[in-house]
Amino acid sequence: MADILDVLSAVGGLGGLLSIMGLAYWLGRRFAQIDERFNSLRRSVKSVNEFMVDFLSYEGVLRKEASELLRREMSRVLSVNPITDVLTEEERRRLKELLEKDELTLEEADELYRIADKLVEEVGDKYTEVWKLLWYSRFWIGYNLRKQRERGKEEKRG
């Protein structure tokens, strides 16, 4: 009789263990789905932010003079916080060079955007200041696209 009770006890314990493992697996999958939804939401918010800054600078609502405010803020933030630790030495050097410039070309703005995008992806949830760098880079992209549009109009007239 004791042997039967030992077997039943072991089976019961194994059943409980399997139930707990099944629940843990299910919870893990649910948390992964929730995590993916948050990542998707973050990507959507980032995309909307990029579009709005591009559009506003392209339409001239955001002026070049206003970019100086963001540039000073970024220089201050990046000199204090260790948020650039995720960048390579070359990326850090180039970021500093780009932030020291008064005006960026479209190619430089794209380069700054790639650096800013990396920072947002890597540390944007911990250091929200990097979003300002993303906006700054997108301002210059929209600004340069507007300048290209204006040059194209002038060439058609002339």
C-alpha atoms as a PDB file:
ATOM      1  CA  MET A   1       0.000   0.000   0.000  1.00  0.00           C
ATOM      2  CA  ALA A   2       2.857   2.356   0.815  1.00  0.00           C
ATOM      3  CA  ASP A   3       4.299   1.749  -2.652  1.00  0.00           C
ATOM      4  CA  ILE A   4       1.030   2.740  -4.306  1.00  0.00           C
ATOM      5  CA  LEU A   5       0.820   5.909  -2.201  1.00  0.00           C
ATOM      6  CA  ASP A   6       4.429   6.785  -3.121  1.00  0.00           C
ATOM      7  CA  VAL A   7       3.646   6.323  -6.833  1.00  0.00           C
ATOM      8  CA  LEU A   8       0.440   8.370  -6.598  1.00  0.00           C
ATOM      9  CA  SER A   9       2.270  11.081  -4.685  1.00  0.00           C
ATOM     10  CA  ALA A  10       5.019  11.182  -7.310  1.00  0.00           C
ATOM     11  CA  VAL A  11       2.462  11.307 -10.147  1.00  0.00           C
ATOM     12  CA  GLY A  12       0.560  14.069  -8.366  1.00  0.00           C
ATOM     13  CA  GLY A  13       3.757  16.032  -7.808  1.00  0.00           C
ATOM     14  CA  LEU A  14       4.755  15.547 -11.446  1.00  0.00           C
ATOM     15  CA  GLY A  15       1.296  16.673 -12.571  1.00  0.00           C
ATOM     16  CA  GLY A  16       1.576  19.795 -10.439  1.00  0.00           C
ATOM     17  CA  LEU A  17       5.047  20.483 -11.825  1.00  0.00           C
ATOM     18  CA  LEU A  18       3.781  20.055 -15.388  1.00  0.00           C
ATOM     19  CA  SER A  19       0.884  22.423 -14.648  1.00  0.00           C
ATOM     20  CA  ILE A  20       3.275  25.043 -13.309  1.00  0.00           C
ATOM     21  CA  MET A  21       5.567  24.625 -16.323  1.00  0.00           C
ATOM     22  CA  GLY A  22       2.598  24.972 -18.678  1.00  0.00           C
ATOM     23  CA  LEU A  23       1.461  28.121 -16.891  1.00  0.00           C
ATOM     24  CA  ALA A  24       5.000  29.556 -17.014  1.00  0.00           C
ATOM     25  CA  TYR A  25       5.211  28.826 -20.743  1.00  0.00           C
ATOM     26  CA  TRP A  26       1.833  30.458 -21.365  1.00  0.00           C
ATOM     27  CA  LEU A  27       2.775  33.520 -19.296  1.00  0.00           C
ATOM     28  CA  GLY A  28       6.087  33.799 -21.148  1.00  0.00           C
ATOM     29  CA  ARG A  29       4.280  33.819 -24.484  1.00  0.00           C
ATOM     30  CA  ARG A  30       1.775  36.418 -23.253  1.00  0.00           C
ATOM     31  CA  PHE A  31       4.557  38.676 -21.966  1.00  0.00           C
ATOM     32  CA  ALA A  32       6.385  38.321 -25.293  1.00  0.00           C
ATOM     33  CA  GLN A  33       3.193  39.353 -27.114  1.00  0.00           C
ATOM     34  CA  ILE A  34       2.748  42.335 -24.790  1.00  0.00           C
ATOM     35  CA  ASP A  35       6.396  43.286 -25.276  1.00  0.00           C
ATOM     36  CA  GLU A  36       5.974  43.160 -29.046  1.00  0.00           C
ATOM     37  CA  ARG A  37       2.890  45.379 -28.804  1.00  0.00           C
ATOM     38  CA  PHE A  38       4.872  47.954 -26.804  1.00  0.00           C
ATOM     39  CA  ASN A  39       7.688  47.798 -29.357  1.00  0.00           C
ATOM     40  CA  SER A  40       5.179  48.268 -32.155  1.00  0.00           C
ATOM     41  CA  LEU A  41       3.632  51.232 -30.337  1.00  0.00           C
ATOM     42  CA  ARG A  42       7.083  52.756 -29.769  1.00  0.00           C
ATOM     43  CA  ARG A  43       7.900  52.387 -33.474  1.00  0.00           C
ATOM     44  CA  SER A  44       4.578  54.031 -34.371  1.00  0.00           C
ATOM     45  CA  VAL A  45       5.179  56.953 -32.013  1.00  0.00           C
ATOM     46  CA  LYS A  46       8.694  57.375 -33.424  1.00  0.00           C
ATOM     47  CA  SER A  47       7.390  57.325 -36.983  1.00  0.00           C
ATOM     48  CA  VAL A  48       4.714  59.932 -36.236  1.00  0.00           C
ATOM     49  CA  ASN A  49       7.274  62.152 -34.481  1.00  0.00           C
ATOM     50  CA  GLU A  50       9.642  61.913 -37.436  1.00  0.00           C
ATOM     51  CA  PHE A  51       6.888  62.712 -39.914  1.00  0.00           C
ATOM     52  CA  MET A  52       5.640  65.722 -37.967  1.00  0.00           C
ATOM     53  CA  VAL A  53       9.100  67.284 -37.624  1.00  0.00           C
ATOM     54  CA  ASP A  54       9.878  66.548 -41.292  1.00  0.00           C
ATOM     55  CA  PHE A  55       6.580  68.070 -42.381  1.00  0.00           C
ATOM     56  CA  LEU A  56       6.802  71.156 -40.169  1.00  0.00           C
ATOM     57  CA  SER A  57      10.349  71.952 -41.226  1.00  0.00           C
ATOM     58  CA  TYR A  58       9.588  71.192 -44.874  1.00  0.00           C
ATOM     59  CA  GLU A  59       6.657  73.609 -44.785  1.00  0.00           C
ATOM     60  CA  GLY A  60       8.762  76.265 -43.043  1.00  0.00           C
ATOM     61  CA  VAL A  61       6.799  76.210 -39.793  1.00  0.00           C
ATOM     62  CA  LEU A  62       9.984  75.280 -37.952  1.00  0.00           C
ATOM     63  CA  ARG A  63      12.630  77.822 -38.835  1.00  0.00           C
ATOM     64  CA  LYS A  64      16.369  77.365 -39.016  1.00  0.00           C
ATOM     65  CA  GLU A  65      16.851  79.836 -36.163  1.00  0.00           C
ATOM     66  CA  ALA A  66      14.840  77.580 -33.842  1.00  0.00           C
ATOM     67  CA  SER A  67      17.201  74.674 -34.513  1.00  0.00           C
ATOM     68  CA  GLU A  68      19.860  76.481 -32.485  1.00  0.00           C
ATOM     69  CA  LEU A  69      17.820  75.844 -29.340  1.00  0.00           C
ATOM     70  CA  LEU A  70      17.822  72.095 -29.986  1.00  0.00           C
ATOM     71  CA  ARG A  71      21.507  72.096 -30.912  1.00  0.00           C
ATOM     72  CA  ARG A  72      22.511  73.794 -27.659  1.00  0.00           C
ATOM     73  CA  GLU A  73      20.278  71.461 -25.677  1.00  0.00           C
ATOM     74  CA  MET A  74      21.757  68.385 -27.351  1.00  0.00           C
ATOM     75  CA  SER A  75      25.313  69.536 -26.744  1.00  0.00           C
ATOM     76  CA  ARG A  76      24.487  70.080 -23.076  1.00  0.00           C
ATOM     77  CA  VAL A  77      22.695  66.763 -22.616  1.00  0.00           C
ATOM     78  CA  LEU A  78      25.290  64.680 -24.441  1.00  0.00           C
ATOM     79  CA  SER A  79      28.165  66.205 -22.495  1.00  0.00           C
ATOM     80  CA  VAL A  80      26.586  65.321 -19.144  1.00  0.00           C
ATOM     81  CA  ASN A  81      24.929  61.941 -19.608  1.00  0.00           C
ATOM     82  CA  PRO A  82      26.679  58.693 -20.559  1.00  0.00           C
ATOM     83  CA  ILE A  83      24.011  58.024 -23.173  1.00  0.00           C
ATOM     84  CA  THR A  84      26.511  57.760 -26.004  1.00  0.00           C
ATOM     85  CA  ASP A  85      28.145  54.651 -24.521  1.00  0.00           C
ATOM     86  CA  VAL A  86      26.265  52.527 -27.068  1.00  0.00           C
ATOM     87  CA  LEU A  87      27.975  54.354 -29.939  1.00  0.00           C
ATOM     88  CA  THR A  88      31.300  53.447 -31.454  1.00  0.00           C
ATOM     89  CA  GLU A  89      34.182  55.875 -30.996  1.00  0.00           C
ATOM     90  CA  GLU A  90      33.766  56.950 -34.630  1.00  0.00           C
ATOM     91  CA  GLU A  91      30.030  57.596 -34.129  1.00  0.00           C
ATOM     92  CA  ARG A  92      30.717  59.665 -30.996  1.00  0.00           C
ATOM     93  CA  ARG A  93      33.344  61.716 -32.821  1.00  0.00           C
ATOM     94  CA  ARG A  94      31.047  62.266 -35.796  1.00  0.00           C
ATOM     95  CA  LEU A  95      28.109  63.169 -33.555  1.00  0.00           C
ATOM     96  CA  LYS A  96      30.210  65.850 -31.889  1.00  0.00           C
ATOM     97  CA  GLU A  97      31.310  67.221 -35.271  1.00  0.00           C
ATOM     98  CA  LEU A  98      27.763  67.340 -36.595  1.00  0.00           C
ATOM     99  CA  LEU A  99      26.453  69.111 -33.489  1.00  0.00           C
ATOM    100  CA  GLU A 100      29.168  71.749 -33.787  1.00  0.00           C
ATOM    101  CA  LYS A 101      28.027  72.716 -37.296  1.00  0.00           C
ATOM    102  CA  ASP A 102      25.684  75.679 -37.783  1.00  0.00           C
ATOM    103  CA  GLU A 103      23.935  74.050 -40.723  1.00  0.00           C
ATOM    104  CA  LEU A 104      23.718  70.470 -41.950  1.00  0.00           C
ATOM    105  CA  THR A 105      23.477  69.229 -45.511  1.00  0.00           C
ATOM    106  CA  LEU A 106      20.929  66.545 -46.347  1.00  0.00           C
ATOM    107  CA  GLU A 107      23.675  63.904 -46.292  1.00  0.00           C
ATOM    108  CA  GLU A 108      24.904  65.099 -42.891  1.00  0.00           C
ATOM    109  CA  ALA A 109      21.339  65.191 -41.571  1.00  0.00           C
ATOM    110  CA  ASP A 110      20.848  61.594 -42.741  1.00  0.00           C
ATOM    111  CA  GLU A 111      24.077  60.607 -41.000  1.00  0.00           C
ATOM    112  CA  LEU A 112      22.969  62.344 -37.801  1.00  0.00           C
ATOM    113  CA  TYR A 113      19.593  60.610 -38.101  1.00  0.00           C
ATOM    114  CA  ARG A 114      21.249  57.177 -38.251  1.00  0.00           C
ATOM    115  CA  ILE A 115      23.185  57.962 -35.061  1.00  0.00           C
ATOM    116  CA  ALA A 116      20.091  59.387 -33.349  1.00  0.00           C
ATOM    117  CA  ASP A 117      18.004  56.397 -34.420  1.00  0.00           C
ATOM    118  CA  LYS A 118      20.559  54.042 -32.904  1.00  0.00           C
ATOM    119  CA  LEU A 119      20.466  55.975 -29.637  1.00  0.00           C
ATOM    120  CA  VAL A 120      16.665  55.994 -29.552  1.00  0.00           C
ATOM    121  CA  GLU A 121      16.539  52.251 -30.186  1.00  0.00           C
ATOM    122  CA  GLU A 122      19.240  51.429 -27.624  1.00  0.00           C
ATOM    123  CA  VAL A 123      18.614  53.894 -24.777  1.00  0.00           C
ATOM    124  CA  GLY A 124      15.534  55.930 -25.731  1.00  0.00           C
ATOM    125  CA  ASP A 125      13.431  54.358 -23.008  1.00  0.00           C
ATOM    126  CA  LYS A 126      16.011  55.229 -20.337  1.00  0.00           C
ATOM    127  CA  TYR A 127      17.281  58.577 -21.654  1.00  0.00           C
ATOM    128  CA  THR A 128      14.391  60.367 -23.298  1.00  0.00           C
ATOM    129  CA  GLU A 129      16.734  63.249 -24.192  1.00  0.00           C
ATOM    130  CA  VAL A 130      17.939  61.292 -27.231  1.00  0.00           C
ATOM    131  CA  TRP A 131      14.552  61.907 -28.833  1.00  0.00           C
ATOM    132  CA  LYS A 132      15.598  65.563 -29.119  1.00  0.00           C
ATOM    133  CA  LEU A 133      18.552  64.485 -31.203  1.00  0.00           C
ATOM    134  CA  LEU A 134      16.195  62.518 -33.434  1.00  0.00           C
ATOM    135  CA  TRP A 135      13.977  65.597 -33.856  1.00  0.00           C
ATOM    136  CA  TYR A 136      17.001  67.790 -34.547  1.00  0.00           C
ATOM    137  CA  SER A 137      18.186  65.458 -37.295  1.00  0.00           C
ATOM    138  CA  ARG A 138      14.697  65.280 -38.793  1.00  0.00           C
ATOM    139  CA  PHE A 139      14.457  69.082 -38.742  1.00  0.00           C
ATOM    140  CA  TRP A 140      17.535  69.282 -40.964  1.00  0.00           C
ATOM    141  CA  ILE A 141      16.186  66.620 -43.297  1.00  0.00           C
ATOM    142  CA  GLY A 142      12.941  68.565 -43.796  1.00  0.00           C
ATOM    143  CA  TYR A 143      14.808  71.867 -44.061  1.00  0.00           C
ATOM    144  CA  ASN A 144      17.101  70.542 -46.792  1.00  0.00           C
ATOM    145  CA  LEU A 145      14.205  68.988 -48.693  1.00  0.00           C
ATOM    146  CA  ARG A 146      12.443  72.367 -48.615  1.00  0.00           C
ATOM    147  CA  LYS A 147      15.591  74.058 -49.945  1.00  0.00           C
ATOM    148  CA  GLN A 148      15.747  71.484 -52.768  1.00  0.00           C
ATOM    149  CA  ARG A 149      12.096  72.161 -53.608  1.00  0.00           C
ATOM    150  CA  GLU A 150      12.716  75.922 -53.699  1.00  0.00           C
ATOM    151  CA  ARG A 151      15.793  75.500 -55.922  1.00  0.00           C
ATOM    152  CA  GLY A 152      13.749  73.334 -58.275  1.00  0.00           C
ATOM    153  CA  LYS A 153      11.049  76.024 -58.538  1.00  0.00           C
ATOM    154  CA  GLU A 154      13.683  78.676 -59.258  1.00  0.00           C
ATOM    155  CA  GLU A 155      15.271  76.534 -61.969  1.00  0.00           C
ATOM    156  CA  LYS A 156      11.876  76.025 -63.653  1.00  0.00           C
ATOM    157  CA  ARG A 157      11.286  79.802 -63.667  1.00  0.00           C
ATOM    158  CA  GLY A 158      14.789  80.709 -64.812  1.00  0.00           C
END
